C-alpha atoms as a PDB file:
ATOM      1  CA  MET A   1     -33.007 -32.568 -85.654  1.00  0.00           C
ATOM      2  CA  PRO A   2     -33.284 -27.989 -85.564  1.00  0.00           C
ATOM      3  CA  LEU A   3     -36.803 -27.191 -85.750  1.00  0.00           C
ATOM      4  CA  PRO A   4     -37.504 -25.035 -88.846  1.00  0.00           C
ATOM      5  CA  VAL A   5     -36.864 -21.241 -87.595  1.00  0.00           C
ATOM      6  CA  THR A   6     -39.100 -18.657 -89.995  1.00  0.00           C
ATOM      7  CA  LEU A   7     -37.890 -15.174 -90.290  1.00  0.00           C
ATOM      8  CA  ALA A   8     -40.530 -12.741 -91.292  1.00  0.00           C
ATOM      9  CA  SER A   9     -40.342  -9.987 -92.958  1.00  0.00           C
ATOM     10  CA  ALA A  10     -41.007  -6.239 -90.301  1.00  0.00           C
ATOM     11  CA  PRO A  11     -44.190  -4.157 -90.373  1.00  0.00           C
ATOM     12  CA  ALA A  12     -43.765  -0.751 -91.950  1.00  0.00           C
ATOM     13  CA  PRO A  13     -41.757   1.219 -89.432  1.00  0.00           C
ATOM     14  CA  ALA A  14     -42.700   4.001 -87.400  1.00  0.00           C
ATOM     15  CA  LEU A  15     -42.535   7.459 -88.702  1.00  0.00           C
ATOM     16  CA  PRO A  16     -39.776   9.941 -88.168  1.00  0.00           C
ATOM     17  CA  THR A  17     -41.300  12.512 -85.512  1.00  0.00           C
ATOM     18  CA  MET A  18     -41.163  16.611 -86.130  1.00  0.00           C
ATOM     19  CA  ALA A  19     -38.096  16.538 -84.096  1.00  0.00           C
ATOM     20  CA  HIS A  20     -35.995  14.307 -85.915  1.00  0.00           C
ATOM     21  CA  LEU A  21     -36.868  16.255 -89.467  1.00  0.00           C
ATOM     22  CA  ALA A  22     -36.700  20.219 -88.115  1.00  0.00           C
ATOM     23  CA  ASP A  23     -33.413  18.608 -87.076  1.00  0.00           C
ATOM     24  CA  ALA A  24     -32.451  17.119 -89.452  1.00  0.00           C
ATOM     25  CA  LEU A  25     -33.239  20.032 -92.501  1.00  0.00           C
ATOM     26  CA  THR A  26     -30.580  22.301 -90.514  1.00  0.00           C
ATOM     27  CA  GLY A  27     -27.909  19.793 -91.374  1.00  0.00           C
ATOM     28  CA  ALA A  28     -26.529  17.990 -94.208  1.00  0.00           C
ATOM     29  CA  PRO A  29     -28.375  15.917 -96.071  1.00  0.00           C
ATOM     30  CA  ALA A  30     -27.325  12.858 -94.533  1.00  0.00           C
ATOM     31  CA  ARG A  31     -28.928  13.980 -91.591  1.00  0.00           C
ATOM     32  CA  LEU A  32     -32.198  14.462 -93.657  1.00  0.00           C
ATOM     33  CA  VAL A  33     -31.919  10.776 -95.193  1.00  0.00           C
ATOM     34  CA  ALA A  34     -30.864   9.758 -91.942  1.00  0.00           C
ATOM     35  CA  ALA A  35     -34.310  11.362 -90.289  1.00  0.00           C
ATOM     36  CA  LEU A  36     -36.315  10.239 -92.926  1.00  0.00           C
ATOM     37  CA  ALA A  37     -35.277   6.434 -91.739  1.00  0.00           C
ATOM     38  CA  GLY A  38     -36.136   7.309 -88.476  1.00  0.00           C
ATOM     39  CA  LEU A  39     -32.519   7.330 -87.062  1.00  0.00           C
ATOM     40  CA  PRO A  40     -31.963   9.969 -84.341  1.00  0.00           C
ATOM     41  CA  PRO A  41     -29.939  12.275 -85.382  1.00  0.00           C
ATOM     42  CA  ALA A  42     -26.958  11.733 -82.101  1.00  0.00           C
ATOM     43  CA  LEU A  43     -26.751   8.317 -84.322  1.00  0.00           C
ATOM     44  CA  VAL A  44     -25.512  10.082 -87.095  1.00  0.00           C
ATOM     45  CA  ASP A  45     -23.406  12.542 -85.976  1.00  0.00           C
ATOM     46  CA  ALA A  46     -21.587   9.374 -84.314  1.00  0.00           C
ATOM     47  CA  ALA A  47     -20.578   7.945 -87.215  1.00  0.00           C
ATOM     48  CA  PRO A  48     -18.917  10.678 -89.954  1.00  0.00           C
ATOM     49  CA  GLY A  49     -16.893   8.337 -91.301  1.00  0.00           C
ATOM     50  CA  SER A  50     -19.996   6.849 -92.628  1.00  0.00           C
ATOM     51  CA  LEU A  51     -23.231   8.426 -93.556  1.00  0.00           C
ATOM     52  CA  HIS A  52     -20.899  11.545 -94.222  1.00  0.00           C
ATOM     53  CA  ALA A  53     -18.588   9.873 -95.942  1.00  0.00           C
ATOM     54  CA  LEU A  54     -21.232   9.036 -98.401  1.00  0.00           C
ATOM     55  CA  GLN A  55     -22.179  12.356 -98.936  1.00  0.00           C
ATOM     56  CA  THR A  56     -19.196  13.379-100.435  1.00  0.00           C
ATOM     57  CA  VAL A  57     -20.351  10.479-103.425  1.00  0.00           C
ATOM     58  CA  TRP A  58     -23.706  11.511-103.997  1.00  0.00           C
ATOM     59  CA  PRO A  59     -24.403  14.890-104.432  1.00  0.00           C
ATOM     60  CA  PRO A  60     -26.878  16.510-102.781  1.00  0.00           C
ATOM     61  CA  ARG A  61     -30.027  15.987-104.662  1.00  0.00           C
ATOM     62  CA  GLU A  62     -29.510  11.820-104.804  1.00  0.00           C
ATOM     63  CA  TRP A  63     -29.901  12.112-100.830  1.00  0.00           C
ATOM     64  CA  LEU A  64     -33.042  14.643-101.262  1.00  0.00           C
ATOM     65  CA  VAL A  65     -34.491  12.167-103.766  1.00  0.00           C
ATOM     66  CA  LEU A  66     -33.820   8.446-101.815  1.00  0.00           C
ATOM     67  CA  GLY A  67     -34.661  10.327 -98.548  1.00  0.00           C
ATOM     68  CA  VAL A  68     -38.087  11.528 -99.462  1.00  0.00           C
ATOM     69  CA  LEU A  69     -39.293   8.501-101.542  1.00  0.00           C
ATOM     70  CA  VAL A  70     -38.057   6.299 -97.907  1.00  0.00           C
ATOM     71  CA  LEU A  71     -40.761   9.029 -96.379  1.00  0.00           C
ATOM     72  CA  LEU A  72     -43.528   8.247 -99.328  1.00  0.00           C
ATOM     73  CA  GLN A  73     -42.932   4.710 -98.199  1.00  0.00           C
ATOM     74  CA  ARG A  74     -43.654   5.036 -94.775  1.00  0.00           C
ATOM     75  CA  LEU A  75     -46.611   7.308 -95.177  1.00  0.00           C
ATOM     76  CA  VAL A  76     -47.935   4.903 -98.012  1.00  0.00           C
ATOM     77  CA  ALA A  77     -48.409   2.725 -95.058  1.00  0.00           C
ATOM     78  CA  ARG A  78     -50.921   4.142 -93.200  1.00  0.00           C
ATOM     79  CA  LEU A  79     -53.284   3.108 -96.529  1.00  0.00           C
ATOM     80  CA  GLY A  80     -53.057  -0.604 -95.842  1.00  0.00           C
ATOM     81  CA  LEU A  81     -51.480  -3.798 -95.916  1.00  0.00           C
ATOM     82  CA  TRP A  82     -52.214  -4.055-100.000  1.00  0.00           C
ATOM     83  CA  PRO A  83     -50.756  -0.677-101.053  1.00  0.00           C
ATOM     84  CA  TYR A  84     -47.459  -0.855 -98.824  1.00  0.00           C
ATOM     85  CA  ALA A  85     -46.805  -4.297-100.218  1.00  0.00           C
ATOM     86  CA  LEU A  86     -46.781  -3.076-103.585  1.00  0.00           C
ATOM     87  CA  VAL A  87     -44.620   0.178-103.062  1.00  0.00           C
ATOM     88  CA  ALA A  88     -42.327  -1.938-100.749  1.00  0.00           C
ATOM     89  CA  LEU A  89     -41.939  -5.214-103.028  1.00  0.00           C
ATOM     90  CA  PRO A  90     -38.406  -4.709-104.568  1.00  0.00           C
ATOM     91  CA  GLY A  91     -37.565  -4.226-100.819  1.00  0.00           C
ATOM     92  CA  THR A  92     -38.900  -6.664 -99.638  1.00  0.00           C
ATOM     93  CA  VAL A  93     -37.749  -9.111-102.559  1.00  0.00           C
ATOM     94  CA  LEU A  94     -34.526  -8.664-101.839  1.00  0.00           C
ATOM     95  CA  HIS A  95     -34.917  -8.457 -98.130  1.00  0.00           C
ATOM     96  CA  GLU A  96     -35.778 -12.205 -97.985  1.00  0.00           C
ATOM     97  CA  LEU A  97     -33.219 -13.150-100.699  1.00  0.00           C
ATOM     98  CA  ALA A  98     -30.902 -11.875 -98.393  1.00  0.00           C
ATOM     99  CA  HIS A  99     -31.575 -14.469 -95.744  1.00  0.00           C
ATOM    100  CA  TRP A 100     -32.558 -17.107 -98.194  1.00  0.00           C
ATOM    101  CA  VAL A 101     -28.896 -17.077 -99.772  1.00  0.00           C
ATOM    102  CA  THR A 102     -27.078 -16.917 -96.480  1.00  0.00           C
ATOM    103  CA  ALA A 103     -29.234 -19.573 -95.303  1.00  0.00           C
ATOM    104  CA  TRP A 104     -28.333 -21.769 -98.191  1.00  0.00           C
ATOM    105  CA  LEU A 105     -24.188 -20.462 -97.941  1.00  0.00           C
ATOM    106  CA  LEU A 106     -25.059 -22.243 -94.535  1.00  0.00           C
ATOM    107  CA  GLY A 107     -25.957 -24.877 -95.472  1.00  0.00           C
ATOM    108  CA  ALA A 108     -29.554 -24.199 -93.304  1.00  0.00           C
ATOM    109  CA  GLY A 109     -31.937 -26.043 -95.749  1.00  0.00           C
ATOM    110  CA  PRO A 110     -33.781 -22.704 -96.386  1.00  0.00           C
ATOM    111  CA  SER A 111     -37.322 -23.189 -98.098  1.00  0.00           C
ATOM    112  CA  ALA A 112     -38.459 -20.870-100.953  1.00  0.00           C
ATOM    113  CA  PRO A 113     -39.045 -17.507 -99.883  1.00  0.00           C
ATOM    114  CA  GLN A 114     -42.551 -16.991 -99.269  1.00  0.00           C
ATOM    115  CA  LEU A 115     -43.931 -13.046-100.324  1.00  0.00           C
ATOM    116  CA  TRP A 116     -47.111 -13.108-100.388  1.00  0.00           C
ATOM    117  CA  PRO A 117     -48.582 -10.073 -98.291  1.00  0.00           C
ATOM    118  CA  ARG A 118     -50.359 -11.452 -94.932  1.00  0.00           C
ATOM    119  CA  GLN A 119     -51.430 -10.211 -91.624  1.00  0.00           C
ATOM    120  CA  GLN A 120     -50.394 -12.332 -88.818  1.00  0.00           C
ATOM    121  CA  ALA A 121     -51.464 -11.923 -84.922  1.00  0.00           C
ATOM    122  CA  GLY A 122     -52.214  -8.321 -85.603  1.00  0.00           C
ATOM    123  CA  ARG A 123     -49.121  -7.135 -87.425  1.00  0.00           C
ATOM    124  CA  TRP A 124     -47.979  -7.510 -91.603  1.00  0.00           C
ATOM    125  CA  GLN A 125     -45.976  -9.479 -92.639  1.00  0.00           C
ATOM    126  CA  LEU A 126     -44.675  -9.205 -95.868  1.00  0.00           C
ATOM    127  CA  GLY A 127     -42.689 -12.178 -96.445  1.00  0.00           C
ATOM    128  CA  ALA A 128     -40.524 -14.923 -94.832  1.00  0.00           C
ATOM    129  CA  VAL A 129     -38.460 -17.135 -95.349  1.00  0.00           C
ATOM    130  CA  LYS A 130     -38.223 -20.978 -92.844  1.00  0.00           C
ATOM    131  CA  PHE A 131     -35.185 -22.732 -92.647  1.00  0.00           C
ATOM    132  CA  ARG A 132     -33.194 -24.913 -90.039  1.00  0.00           C
ATOM    133  CA  PRO A 133     -30.085 -22.808 -88.162  1.00  0.00           C
ATOM    134  CA  ARG A 134     -26.851 -25.241 -87.300  1.00  0.00           C
ATOM    135  CA  ARG A 135     -25.036 -24.181 -84.401  1.00  0.00           C
ATOM    136  CA  GLY A 136     -23.865 -20.090 -84.030  1.00  0.00           C
ATOM    137  CA  THR A 137     -25.194 -19.364 -87.998  1.00  0.00           C
ATOM    138  CA  CYS A 138     -28.906 -18.147 -87.002  1.00  0.00           C
ATOM    139  CA  TRP A 139     -28.016 -14.896 -86.200  1.00  0.00           C
ATOM    140  CA  LEU A 140     -25.938 -15.132 -89.732  1.00  0.00           C
ATOM    141  CA  ILE A 141     -28.881 -15.612 -91.218  1.00  0.00           C
ATOM    142  CA  ALA A 142     -31.021 -12.728 -89.047  1.00  0.00           C
ATOM    143  CA  ILE A 143     -28.446 -10.000 -90.163  1.00  0.00           C
ATOM    144  CA  ALA A 144     -28.345 -10.781 -93.247  1.00  0.00           C
ATOM    145  CA  PRO A 145     -30.533  -7.981 -94.857  1.00  0.00           C
ATOM    146  CA  LEU A 146     -27.525  -5.540 -93.325  1.00  0.00           C
ATOM    147  CA  ALA A 147     -25.916  -6.071 -96.606  1.00  0.00           C
ATOM    148  CA  LEU A 148     -28.241  -4.609 -98.634  1.00  0.00           C
ATOM    149  CA  ALA A 149     -27.224  -1.119 -97.553  1.00  0.00           C
ATOM    150  CA  PRO A 150     -24.034  -1.303 -99.509  1.00  0.00           C
ATOM    151  CA  LEU A 151     -26.342  -2.426-102.524  1.00  0.00           C
ATOM    152  CA  ALA A 152     -27.925   0.901-101.855  1.00  0.00           C
ATOM    153  CA  ALA A 153     -25.243   3.125-102.016  1.00  0.00           C
ATOM    154  CA  GLY A 154     -23.688   1.079-105.346  1.00  0.00           C
ATOM    155  CA  LEU A 155     -27.462   1.750-107.177  1.00  0.00           C
ATOM    156  CA  ALA A 156     -27.544   5.124-106.005  1.00  0.00           C
ATOM    157  CA  ARG A 157     -23.849   5.694-107.326  1.00  0.00           C
ATOM    158  CA  SER A 158     -24.012   3.676-110.763  1.00  0.00           C
ATOM    159  CA  GLY A 159     -28.071   4.347-111.621  1.00  0.00           C
ATOM    160  CA  LEU A 160     -29.214   7.684-110.134  1.00  0.00           C
ATOM    161  CA  ALA A 161     -25.834  10.180-109.810  1.00  0.00           C
ATOM    162  CA  GLY A 162     -26.037  12.379-112.373  1.00  0.00           C
ATOM    163  CA  ALA A 163     -28.937  11.125-114.675  1.00  0.00           C
ATOM    164  CA  ALA A 164     -31.133  12.697-116.358  1.00  0.00           C
ATOM    165  CA  LEU A 165     -34.689  12.894-114.632  1.00  0.00           C
ATOM    166  CA  ASP A 166     -36.782  10.797-116.437  1.00  0.00           C
ATOM    167  CA  GLY A 167     -38.590   7.016-116.260  1.00  0.00           C
ATOM    168  CA  ARG A 168     -35.490   5.222-116.069  1.00  0.00           C
ATOM    169  CA  TYR A 169     -34.170   7.559-113.135  1.00  0.00           C
ATOM    170  CA  ALA A 170     -37.558   6.831-112.012  1.00  0.00           C
ATOM    171  CA  LEU A 171     -37.566   3.474-111.636  1.00  0.00           C
ATOM    172  CA  MET A 172     -34.088   3.025-110.229  1.00  0.00           C
ATOM    173  CA  ALA A 173     -34.881   5.363-107.534  1.00  0.00           C
ATOM    174  CA  TRP A 174     -37.841   3.528-106.394  1.00  0.00           C
ATOM    175  CA  VAL A 175     -35.765   0.718-106.638  1.00  0.00           C
ATOM    176  CA  THR A 176     -32.991   1.940-104.283  1.00  0.00           C
ATOM    177  CA  ALA A 177     -35.339   3.407-102.157  1.00  0.00           C
ATOM    178  CA  ALA A 178     -37.147  -0.110-100.955  1.00  0.00           C
ATOM    179  CA  THR A 179     -33.905  -1.766-101.056  1.00  0.00           C
ATOM    180  CA  LEU A 180     -32.233   0.708 -98.607  1.00  0.00           C
ATOM    181  CA  ASN A 181     -35.925   0.930 -96.603  1.00  0.00           C
ATOM    182  CA  ALA A 182     -35.104  -3.471 -96.260  1.00  0.00           C
ATOM    183  CA  ALA A 183     -32.336  -3.275 -95.668  1.00  0.00           C
ATOM    184  CA  TRP A 184     -32.858  -2.880 -91.829  1.00  0.00           C
ATOM    185  CA  PRO A 185     -33.547  -6.101 -90.618  1.00  0.00           C
ATOM    186  CA  SER A 186     -36.988  -6.863 -88.787  1.00  0.00           C
ATOM    187  CA  ARG A 187     -37.860  -7.347 -85.095  1.00  0.00           C
ATOM    188  CA  GLU A 188     -37.681 -10.942 -85.250  1.00  0.00           C
ATOM    189  CA  ASP A 189     -34.658 -10.769 -86.921  1.00  0.00           C
ATOM    190  CA  TRP A 190     -32.930  -8.785 -84.378  1.00  0.00           C
ATOM    191  CA  ARG A 191     -34.874 -11.166 -81.866  1.00  0.00           C
ATOM    192  CA  LEU A 192     -33.240 -14.534 -83.140  1.00  0.00           C
ATOM    193  CA  ALA A 193     -30.009 -12.490 -84.267  1.00  0.00           C
ATOM    194  CA  ALA A 194     -29.913 -11.386 -80.041  1.00  0.00           C
ATOM    195  CA  PRO A 195     -28.145 -14.751 -78.945  1.00  0.00           C
ATOM    196  CA  GLY A 196     -25.588 -14.652 -81.624  1.00  0.00           C
ATOM    197  CA  LEU A 197     -24.708 -11.184 -80.824  1.00  0.00           C
ATOM    198  CA  LEU A 198     -24.784 -10.854 -77.145  1.00  0.00           C
ATOM    199  CA  THR A 199     -22.548 -14.490 -77.340  1.00  0.00           C
ATOM    200  CA  LEU A 200     -19.771 -12.583 -80.002  1.00  0.00           C
ATOM    201  CA  ALA A 201     -19.709  -9.019 -78.443  1.00  0.00           C
ATOM    202  CA  GLY A 202     -18.748 -11.468 -74.792  1.00  0.00           C
ATOM    203  CA  SER A 203     -16.558 -13.403 -76.199  1.00  0.00           C
ATOM    204  CA  ALA A 204     -15.012 -10.244 -78.229  1.00  0.00           C
ATOM    205  CA  ALA A 205     -14.663  -9.119 -74.744  1.00  0.00           C
ATOM    206  CA  LEU A 206     -13.115 -11.752 -72.915  1.00  0.00           C
ATOM    207  CA  LEU A 207     -10.566 -11.671 -75.494  1.00  0.00           C
ATOM    208  CA  VAL A 208     -10.153  -7.953 -75.087  1.00  0.00           C
ATOM    209  CA  GLY A 209      -9.953  -8.241 -71.283  1.00  0.00           C
ATOM    210  CA  ALA A 210      -7.738 -11.460 -72.051  1.00  0.00           C
ATOM    211  CA  ALA A 211      -5.009  -9.448 -73.725  1.00  0.00           C
ATOM    212  CA  TRP A 212      -5.269  -6.865 -72.269  1.00  0.00           C
ATOM    213  CA  GLY A 213      -4.385  -8.509 -68.899  1.00  0.00           C
ATOM    214  CA  TRP A 214      -1.296 -10.258 -70.323  1.00  0.00           C
ATOM    215  CA  VAL A 215       0.087  -6.733 -71.551  1.00  0.00           C
ATOM    216  CA  ARG A 216      -1.011  -5.131 -68.287  1.00  0.00           C
ATOM    217  CA  TYR A 217       0.920  -7.988 -66.019  1.00  0.00           C
ATOM    218  CA  GLY A 218       2.071 -10.994 -68.433  1.00  0.00           C
ATOM    219  CA  ALA A 219       4.524  -9.275 -70.213  1.00  0.00           C
ATOM    220  CA  GLY A 220       6.473  -8.141 -67.777  1.00  0.00           C
END
C-alpha cells in the first residue's frame, strides 16, 4: 500500500526586485503583471503568444488592477501569517481543491483539504491535502493548481473587463488576484512532480529521437 502524500500550499513567495519593476514599467501591462508575480521579463518576451495575447483580451486597467493586488498580497505577507492567510484565502481554497479534485479523479483517495494556517519547520503552511498516489499520477496531482491560471483569466474577462468600479468589482478583483497568485504550485508540489515530469520529458525526448532516426535513416 503506498504511503500517504501531503501536498502543502507554499509560503509567501519572494517579492519582485526593483530591477524587474523598473524594466516592466517601460513595457506592456503584461510585463508589469509578470514582474509583480516575480517572473523574469525574459519569460514574458519568450511567450508572445500567451501573456501578450491576453493583453488584447483584457484592457490595461484590468492588468494594472490585478498586478497591484498581487503585489499587495505579497506585501501583506510581511505582516505575518494570519493577515496573509486571510488575504490569500480564496486562492488557498482553490489551490487545495485543485489538488483534491485531481486526486479524486485519479483514484488517489484524497482526504478533506486542511485550510487552517500553521507554521511548520519554520515555514508557513496555508493548506494541505493528503492522498495515496497511484503509479504515474503523483505529478499530475502536484501540478493541478496550474489550472487556476486560465480560471483567473476567465474570472477577469467575465467579471472585471468593462465593469463599474464598485464593491462587486473590488470583491471580484480580490478573488481573481488571489486565484492568480495561487496558480503557481508550491515548492513541495514541484518536488513531488519532479520525478514524473523528468520521466515524461525523457520519454518525449526518446520518442522524438526515435522518430528523427527513423525519418533520417530508416525511411531511406
